[in-house]
Amino acid sequence: QVQLVESGGGLVQAGGSLRLSCAASGRTLSSYAMGWFRQAPGKEREFTATITRSSGTSYADSVKGRFTVSRDNAKNTVYLQMNSLRREDTAVYYCAALVGNRLTSPTAYDYWGQGTQVTVSS
């Protein structure tokens, strides 16, 4: 069992940056692939970024080139650096831990954090 807690969300102007953190407890994150997902009001939860156990990364087309996912296994923490934020990035952002290998499917993930709100204003 692993517990995940996201932080770093907030209100930012379009074009600005935020860094989200996802801190784990209970088990070491090195055992899991990690994903970031987001959910805007009235929309389904969507894949945003993922990082494998060996630190390979993958991104949704909508964030590619603007967002960067990274992990620090020594700190048991995963990060999502978000640059050049747009209004359409407004959502609750969730981190999740995956035992398997279906990296972009939210239903495949085993553990979830509570989410952190990101609001981008124009």
N, C-alpha and C. Protein backbone atom coordinates (compact mmCIF):
# COMPACT_ATOMS: atom_id res chain seq x y z
N GLN A 1 0.84 -1.19 0.00
CA GLN A 1 0.00 0.00 0.00
C GLN A 1 0.88 1.24 0.00
N VAL A 2 0.53 2.20 -0.82
CA VAL A 2 1.26 3.46 -0.88
C VAL A 2 0.27 4.60 -0.80
N GLN A 3 0.62 5.63 -0.05
CA GLN A 3 -0.21 6.83 0.06
C GLN A 3 0.48 7.96 -0.71
N LEU A 4 -0.31 8.69 -1.48
CA LEU A 4 0.21 9.75 -2.33
C LEU A 4 -0.44 11.08 -1.95
N VAL A 5 0.37 12.12 -1.86
CA VAL A 5 -0.14 13.45 -1.52
C VAL A 5 0.45 14.46 -2.51
N GLU A 6 -0.44 15.10 -3.25
CA GLU A 6 -0.01 16.13 -4.20
C GLU A 6 0.04 17.50 -3.52
N SER A 7 0.91 18.34 -4.03
CA SER A 7 0.98 19.73 -3.57
C SER A 7 1.52 20.58 -4.70
N GLY A 8 1.42 21.91 -4.51
CA GLY A 8 1.99 22.82 -5.49
C GLY A 8 1.00 23.47 -6.42
N GLY A 9 -0.25 23.08 -6.33
CA GLY A 9 -1.25 23.72 -7.18
C GLY A 9 -1.53 25.14 -6.72
N GLY A 10 -2.33 25.83 -7.52
CA GLY A 10 -2.68 27.20 -7.18
C GLY A 10 -3.20 27.96 -8.36
N LEU A 11 -3.25 29.28 -8.20
CA LEU A 11 -3.73 30.18 -9.24
C LEU A 11 -2.53 30.83 -9.92
N VAL A 12 -2.51 30.78 -11.23
CA VAL A 12 -1.38 31.35 -11.98
C VAL A 12 -1.92 32.00 -13.24
N GLN A 13 -1.24 33.02 -13.71
CA GLN A 13 -1.65 33.67 -14.96
C GLN A 13 -1.19 32.85 -16.14
N ALA A 14 -1.92 32.99 -17.22
CA ALA A 14 -1.52 32.32 -18.46
C ALA A 14 -0.10 32.71 -18.82
N GLY A 15 0.66 31.71 -19.24
CA GLY A 15 2.07 31.91 -19.55
C GLY A 15 2.99 31.63 -18.38
N GLY A 16 2.43 31.49 -17.20
CA GLY A 16 3.22 31.23 -16.00
C GLY A 16 3.57 29.77 -15.82
N SER A 17 4.18 29.49 -14.67
CA SER A 17 4.65 28.14 -14.37
C SER A 17 4.24 27.71 -12.97
N LEU A 18 4.11 26.42 -12.81
CA LEU A 18 3.91 25.80 -11.51
C LEU A 18 4.68 24.49 -11.50
N ARG A 19 5.08 24.07 -10.30
CA ARG A 19 5.65 22.73 -10.15
C ARG A 19 4.82 21.97 -9.13
N LEU A 20 4.26 20.89 -9.57
CA LEU A 20 3.50 20.01 -8.69
C LEU A 20 4.43 18.94 -8.13
N SER A 21 4.17 18.57 -6.89
CA SER A 21 4.90 17.49 -6.25
C SER A 21 3.93 16.41 -5.81
N CYS A 22 4.41 15.20 -5.81
CA CYS A 22 3.62 14.06 -5.35
C CYS A 22 4.53 13.26 -4.41
N ALA A 23 4.24 13.36 -3.13
CA ALA A 23 5.05 12.68 -2.12
C ALA A 23 4.38 11.37 -1.72
N ALA A 24 5.19 10.34 -1.61
CA ALA A 24 4.67 9.01 -1.30
C ALA A 24 5.12 8.58 0.08
N SER A 25 4.27 7.79 0.71
CA SER A 25 4.63 7.15 1.97
C SER A 25 4.06 5.74 1.96
N GLY A 26 4.62 4.91 2.78
CA GLY A 26 4.13 3.55 2.88
C GLY A 26 5.00 2.55 2.13
N ARG A 27 5.37 2.91 0.91
CA ARG A 27 6.27 2.06 0.12
C ARG A 27 7.14 2.96 -0.75
N THR A 28 8.23 2.41 -1.21
CA THR A 28 9.12 3.19 -2.05
C THR A 28 8.55 3.34 -3.45
N LEU A 29 8.64 4.55 -3.98
CA LEU A 29 8.10 4.83 -5.31
C LEU A 29 8.88 4.14 -6.42
N SER A 30 10.09 3.72 -6.15
CA SER A 30 10.89 3.09 -7.19
C SER A 30 10.25 1.80 -7.70
N SER A 31 9.29 1.27 -6.94
CA SER A 31 8.60 0.05 -7.35
C SER A 31 7.51 0.30 -8.37
N TYR A 32 7.20 1.57 -8.65
CA TYR A 32 6.04 1.92 -9.45
C TYR A 32 6.39 2.81 -10.62
N ALA A 33 5.67 2.61 -11.71
CA ALA A 33 5.58 3.68 -12.69
C ALA A 33 4.60 4.71 -12.12
N MET A 34 4.81 5.97 -12.47
CA MET A 34 3.99 7.04 -11.91
C MET A 34 3.34 7.83 -13.03
N GLY A 35 2.12 8.25 -12.78
CA GLY A 35 1.41 9.04 -13.78
C GLY A 35 0.82 10.29 -13.19
N TRP A 36 0.66 11.28 -14.04
CA TRP A 36 -0.10 12.47 -13.72
C TRP A 36 -1.32 12.51 -14.64
N PHE A 37 -2.45 12.76 -14.04
CA PHE A 37 -3.70 12.88 -14.77
C PHE A 37 -4.37 14.19 -14.34
N ARG A 38 -5.30 14.64 -15.14
CA ARG A 38 -6.02 15.84 -14.76
C ARG A 38 -7.49 15.70 -15.13
N GLN A 39 -8.31 16.43 -14.40
CA GLN A 39 -9.74 16.39 -14.64
C GLN A 39 -10.30 17.79 -14.51
N ALA A 40 -10.82 18.27 -15.63
CA ALA A 40 -11.48 19.58 -15.65
C ALA A 40 -12.96 19.40 -15.35
N PRO A 41 -13.62 20.44 -14.90
CA PRO A 41 -15.05 20.33 -14.58
C PRO A 41 -15.86 19.83 -15.77
N GLY A 42 -16.67 18.82 -15.52
CA GLY A 42 -17.53 18.28 -16.57
C GLY A 42 -16.83 17.37 -17.56
N LYS A 43 -15.56 17.10 -17.32
CA LYS A 43 -14.82 16.26 -18.25
C LYS A 43 -14.28 15.01 -17.55
N GLU A 44 -13.91 14.03 -18.35
CA GLU A 44 -13.33 12.82 -17.79
C GLU A 44 -11.87 13.06 -17.40
N ARG A 45 -11.40 12.23 -16.50
CA ARG A 45 -9.99 12.29 -16.12
C ARG A 45 -9.14 11.88 -17.32
N GLU A 46 -8.12 12.66 -17.61
CA GLU A 46 -7.31 12.39 -18.80
C GLU A 46 -5.83 12.26 -18.46
N PHE A 47 -5.18 11.44 -19.22
CA PHE A 47 -3.74 11.23 -19.09
C PHE A 47 -3.01 12.53 -19.40
N THR A 48 -2.01 12.85 -18.59
CA THR A 48 -1.20 14.03 -18.80
C THR A 48 0.26 13.67 -19.04
N ALA A 49 0.85 12.89 -18.14
CA ALA A 49 2.26 12.53 -18.26
C ALA A 49 2.51 11.27 -17.44
N THR A 50 3.56 10.55 -17.82
CA THR A 50 3.93 9.38 -17.07
C THR A 50 5.44 9.22 -17.07
N ILE A 51 5.95 8.57 -16.03
CA ILE A 51 7.36 8.27 -15.93
C ILE A 51 7.49 6.83 -15.44
N THR A 52 8.29 6.06 -16.17
CA THR A 52 8.45 4.66 -15.84
C THR A 52 9.42 4.47 -14.68
N ARG A 53 9.58 3.22 -14.26
CA ARG A 53 10.51 2.90 -13.17
C ARG A 53 11.95 3.27 -13.55
N SER A 54 12.23 3.21 -14.84
CA SER A 54 13.57 3.56 -15.32
C SER A 54 13.66 4.99 -15.83
N SER A 55 12.63 5.79 -15.50
CA SER A 55 12.58 7.23 -15.80
C SER A 55 12.36 7.56 -17.27
N GLY A 56 11.80 6.62 -18.03
CA GLY A 56 11.32 6.97 -19.35
C GLY A 56 10.04 7.79 -19.21
N THR A 57 9.84 8.75 -20.09
CA THR A 57 8.70 9.65 -19.96
C THR A 57 7.82 9.64 -21.21
N SER A 58 6.56 9.99 -20.99
CA SER A 58 5.61 10.10 -22.08
C SER A 58 4.60 11.18 -21.70
N TYR A 59 4.12 11.91 -22.72
CA TYR A 59 3.23 13.04 -22.46
C TYR A 59 2.03 13.02 -23.40
N ALA A 60 0.95 13.60 -22.91
CA ALA A 60 -0.18 13.88 -23.79
C ALA A 60 0.25 14.94 -24.80
N ASP A 61 -0.31 14.88 -25.99
CA ASP A 61 0.05 15.85 -27.03
C ASP A 61 -0.22 17.28 -26.57
N SER A 62 -1.25 17.45 -25.76
CA SER A 62 -1.64 18.80 -25.35
C SER A 62 -0.63 19.47 -24.43
N VAL A 63 0.25 18.69 -23.81
CA VAL A 63 1.22 19.27 -22.87
C VAL A 63 2.66 19.06 -23.31
N LYS A 64 2.85 18.33 -24.38
CA LYS A 64 4.20 18.02 -24.84
C LYS A 64 4.96 19.30 -25.15
N GLY A 65 6.19 19.38 -24.64
CA GLY A 65 7.01 20.56 -24.85
C GLY A 65 6.80 21.64 -23.79
N ARG A 66 5.76 21.50 -22.98
CA ARG A 66 5.49 22.49 -21.93
C ARG A 66 5.63 21.89 -20.53
N PHE A 67 5.27 20.62 -20.38
CA PHE A 67 5.31 19.95 -19.09
C PHE A 67 6.48 18.97 -19.06
N THR A 68 7.05 18.79 -17.87
CA THR A 68 8.12 17.83 -17.68
C THR A 68 7.88 17.04 -16.40
N VAL A 69 7.86 15.73 -16.52
CA VAL A 69 7.69 14.86 -15.36
C VAL A 69 9.06 14.33 -14.96
N SER A 70 9.29 14.23 -13.65
CA SER A 70 10.56 13.70 -13.15
C SER A 70 10.30 12.99 -11.83
N ARG A 71 11.27 12.23 -11.40
CA ARG A 71 11.13 11.53 -10.14
C ARG A 71 12.43 11.58 -9.37
N ASP A 72 12.32 11.62 -8.06
CA ASP A 72 13.46 11.55 -7.16
C ASP A 72 13.16 10.42 -6.19
N ASN A 73 13.68 9.25 -6.52
CA ASN A 73 13.38 8.07 -5.69
C ASN A 73 13.94 8.21 -4.29
N ALA A 74 15.04 8.92 -4.13
CA ALA A 74 15.61 9.11 -2.80
C ALA A 74 14.67 9.90 -1.90
N LYS A 75 13.92 10.83 -2.51
CA LYS A 75 12.95 11.62 -1.76
C LYS A 75 11.55 11.04 -1.83
N ASN A 76 11.42 9.94 -2.57
CA ASN A 76 10.10 9.30 -2.73
C ASN A 76 9.07 10.27 -3.27
N THR A 77 9.48 11.05 -4.25
CA THR A 77 8.65 12.14 -4.77
C THR A 77 8.72 12.18 -6.29
N VAL A 78 7.59 12.50 -6.89
CA VAL A 78 7.49 12.71 -8.32
C VAL A 78 7.05 14.14 -8.55
N TYR A 79 7.53 14.74 -9.62
CA TYR A 79 7.25 16.14 -9.91
C TYR A 79 6.61 16.29 -11.29
N LEU A 80 5.86 17.38 -11.42
CA LEU A 80 5.37 17.78 -12.74
C LEU A 80 5.64 19.27 -12.87
N GLN A 81 6.63 19.61 -13.68
CA GLN A 81 6.94 21.01 -13.98
C GLN A 81 6.07 21.46 -15.13
N MET A 82 5.30 22.49 -14.90
CA MET A 82 4.35 22.97 -15.91
C MET A 82 4.72 24.39 -16.30
N ASN A 83 5.10 24.58 -17.54
CA ASN A 83 5.47 25.88 -18.07
C ASN A 83 4.50 26.32 -19.14
N SER A 84 4.51 27.61 -19.45
CA SER A 84 3.66 28.17 -20.51
C SER A 84 2.21 27.73 -20.32
N LEU A 85 1.73 27.88 -19.12
CA LEU A 85 0.39 27.41 -18.80
C LEU A 85 -0.68 28.18 -19.57
N ARG A 86 -1.72 27.46 -19.91
CA ARG A 86 -2.84 27.99 -20.67
C ARG A 86 -4.13 27.83 -19.87
N ARG A 87 -5.13 28.58 -20.23
CA ARG A 87 -6.40 28.46 -19.51
C ARG A 87 -6.93 27.04 -19.57
N GLU A 88 -6.72 26.38 -20.68
CA GLU A 88 -7.24 25.02 -20.82
C GLU A 88 -6.50 23.99 -19.97
N ASP A 89 -5.43 24.41 -19.30
CA ASP A 89 -4.74 23.53 -18.35
C ASP A 89 -5.43 23.53 -16.99
N THR A 90 -6.42 24.38 -16.80
CA THR A 90 -7.13 24.44 -15.53
C THR A 90 -7.82 23.10 -15.26
N ALA A 91 -7.52 22.53 -14.10
CA ALA A 91 -8.05 21.21 -13.75
C ALA A 91 -7.56 20.84 -12.36
N VAL A 92 -8.11 19.77 -11.84
CA VAL A 92 -7.53 19.11 -10.67
C VAL A 92 -6.52 18.09 -11.19
N TYR A 93 -5.33 18.17 -10.67
CA TYR A 93 -4.25 17.28 -11.10
C TYR A 93 -4.03 16.20 -10.05
N TYR A 94 -3.95 14.97 -10.54
CA TYR A 94 -3.77 13.82 -9.67
C TYR A 94 -2.49 13.08 -10.05
N CYS A 95 -1.79 12.60 -9.04
CA CYS A 95 -0.72 11.64 -9.32
C CYS A 95 -1.22 10.25 -8.95
N ALA A 96 -0.63 9.27 -9.58
CA ALA A 96 -1.06 7.89 -9.38
C ALA A 96 0.13 6.96 -9.57
N ALA A 97 0.05 5.82 -8.91
CA ALA A 97 1.11 4.82 -8.96
C ALA A 97 0.60 3.56 -9.64
N LEU A 98 1.45 2.99 -10.47
CA LEU A 98 1.07 1.86 -11.31
C LEU A 98 2.01 0.68 -11.08
N VAL A 99 1.41 -0.47 -10.79
CA VAL A 99 2.19 -1.71 -10.68
C VAL A 99 2.42 -2.31 -12.05
N GLY A 100 1.43 -2.23 -12.91
CA GLY A 100 1.49 -2.82 -14.24
C GLY A 100 2.20 -1.94 -15.25
N ASN A 101 1.74 -2.00 -16.51
CA ASN A 101 2.44 -1.26 -17.55
C ASN A 101 1.53 -0.54 -18.53
N ARG A 102 0.26 -0.39 -18.19
CA ARG A 102 -0.64 0.37 -19.06
C ARG A 102 -0.55 1.84 -18.66
N LEU A 103 0.46 2.50 -19.14
CA LEU A 103 0.89 3.77 -18.58
C LEU A 103 -0.10 4.91 -18.75
N THR A 104 -0.89 4.87 -19.82
CA THR A 104 -1.75 6.03 -20.10
C THR A 104 -3.20 5.81 -19.71
N SER A 105 -3.53 4.66 -19.15
CA SER A 105 -4.92 4.35 -18.82
C SER A 105 -5.17 4.61 -17.34
N PRO A 106 -6.03 5.55 -17.01
CA PRO A 106 -6.29 5.83 -15.59
C PRO A 106 -6.86 4.63 -14.85
N THR A 107 -7.61 3.80 -15.51
CA THR A 107 -8.22 2.65 -14.83
C THR A 107 -7.19 1.60 -14.44
N ALA A 108 -5.99 1.66 -15.02
CA ALA A 108 -4.96 0.68 -14.72
C ALA A 108 -4.18 1.01 -13.45
N TYR A 109 -4.25 2.26 -13.01
CA TYR A 109 -3.44 2.68 -11.88
C TYR A 109 -4.00 2.18 -10.56
N ASP A 110 -3.08 1.87 -9.65
CA ASP A 110 -3.46 1.18 -8.43
C ASP A 110 -3.70 2.11 -7.25
N TYR A 111 -2.97 3.22 -7.20
CA TYR A 111 -3.07 4.13 -6.06
C TYR A 111 -3.15 5.56 -6.59
N TRP A 112 -3.97 6.37 -5.90
CA TRP A 112 -4.20 7.74 -6.31
C TRP A 112 -4.06 8.70 -5.14
N GLY A 113 -3.59 9.90 -5.45
CA GLY A 113 -3.64 10.97 -4.49
C GLY A 113 -5.00 11.66 -4.52
N GLN A 114 -5.17 12.66 -3.67
CA GLN A 114 -6.44 13.38 -3.56
C GLN A 114 -6.57 14.48 -4.59
N GLY A 115 -5.48 14.87 -5.21
CA GLY A 115 -5.53 15.89 -6.24
C GLY A 115 -5.18 17.27 -5.71
N THR A 116 -4.71 18.11 -6.63
CA THR A 116 -4.42 19.50 -6.31
C THR A 116 -4.96 20.38 -7.44
N GLN A 117 -5.60 21.47 -7.09
CA GLN A 117 -6.26 22.33 -8.07
C GLN A 117 -5.24 23.26 -8.73
N VAL A 118 -5.30 23.31 -10.03
CA VAL A 118 -4.52 24.28 -10.82
C VAL A 118 -5.51 25.14 -11.59
N THR A 119 -5.42 26.43 -11.39
CA THR A 119 -6.29 27.36 -12.10
C THR A 119 -5.44 28.37 -12.84
N VAL A 120 -5.66 28.47 -14.13
CA VAL A 120 -4.90 29.38 -14.98
C VAL A 120 -5.84 30.50 -15.44
N SER A 121 -5.49 31.70 -15.12
CA SER A 121 -6.32 32.84 -15.49
C SER A 121 -5.71 33.57 -16.69
N SER A 122 -6.58 34.24 -17.42
CA SER A 122 -6.09 34.98 -18.60
C SER A 122 -5.68 36.40 -18.23
